């Protein structure tokens, strides 16, 4: 049995850091293991312009503890008023690595997202021209579509027509959760990638609902049936370049998770690498963990892989992860896989 595993230092291609006190509390949990991360722009107000992204990046770097090396990769929040010239300039400067498309109302702080795709056509065509990736939260929000079907319907009715009408547009299907998402990602060429979260490799919808509602397993896109979780595990552990890690680690104070209308999001920054090693060991694919966590994402984003390395070690006894992260007088619950995990980052 493998007892140690040394990898190129990983990156997180979908991360929520929030802002202010919350950001200061959760940023070290990512920077401890990850060299870079694509930073989600759905703040209040959102990160819409290059100036917004520059200011947010400066706040992140100011909050980074001394001695930690971490590079935030900034994104812009796509709105129907987004200026193509501003996006082009932000990309040319190296500040912005992607633009994020939220269908309006799809998830946390997405009310300013896109309703009419005709109004963002000029931005998308410019992005196709310069090769700037579009990161997509792939769910429809129409009330007649069941929440467990929203990803599959989005692929058929929005994503595929969008890609066909915008040749050359580089797209990341973010946090795919279904067999249909896996299949569609495989049907695309080099311009299509897909991120998979840590928690969707571990939980299905039973974990949220059986034996009482578990608010800390509630996320969007919501976890699906077991057949979909198994499809995600097969894709992530396949080694295929189109699939890479995006944790979607999303901290919320417990008081807003354990609530009559609880927030969506799982906070996995603290233990993601341990949990991935656990999953890939179960899939007999530890030799392909580096591709998923460290190599495929940089390749898609046309960035070099990190020079630094990390080592994971398999302990004889289960790792005890912290249950919560303190945020001032509040707490954020760390994702609990519900099973013993023996892998830890050793250096």
Foldseek 3Di string as FASTA:
>chain_A
DDFKDKFQQFEAAAEEQAADLSNLQCVCLQLVGHAEYAYDQLYVVGAAFLVSLVVRQVRNVVSDDPPGHHHYAYEHEDALPRDLVRVVVSVVVRRHQAYEADAQPQAPNRVRGDDDVVSCVVNQLSCLVVVRAYEYQQFDDPPVDDLQCGNVVSVVPPVVVVCVVRPNHQYEDEADAFLSVLVVQVVDDLSYAYEHALLSLQDAVCVQPPPHGDLQQFAPSHHHDPVRSVSVLCSLLVLDLRYAHHHQQDWDFPDQSVDPNHHHHHHASNCRVLSLCVSCVVVVRNVSNNSHGFNSVCVSSVHDTHPDMWMKGFAPFFDDTDQWTDRPPTITGHDDSPDGTGIDTDD
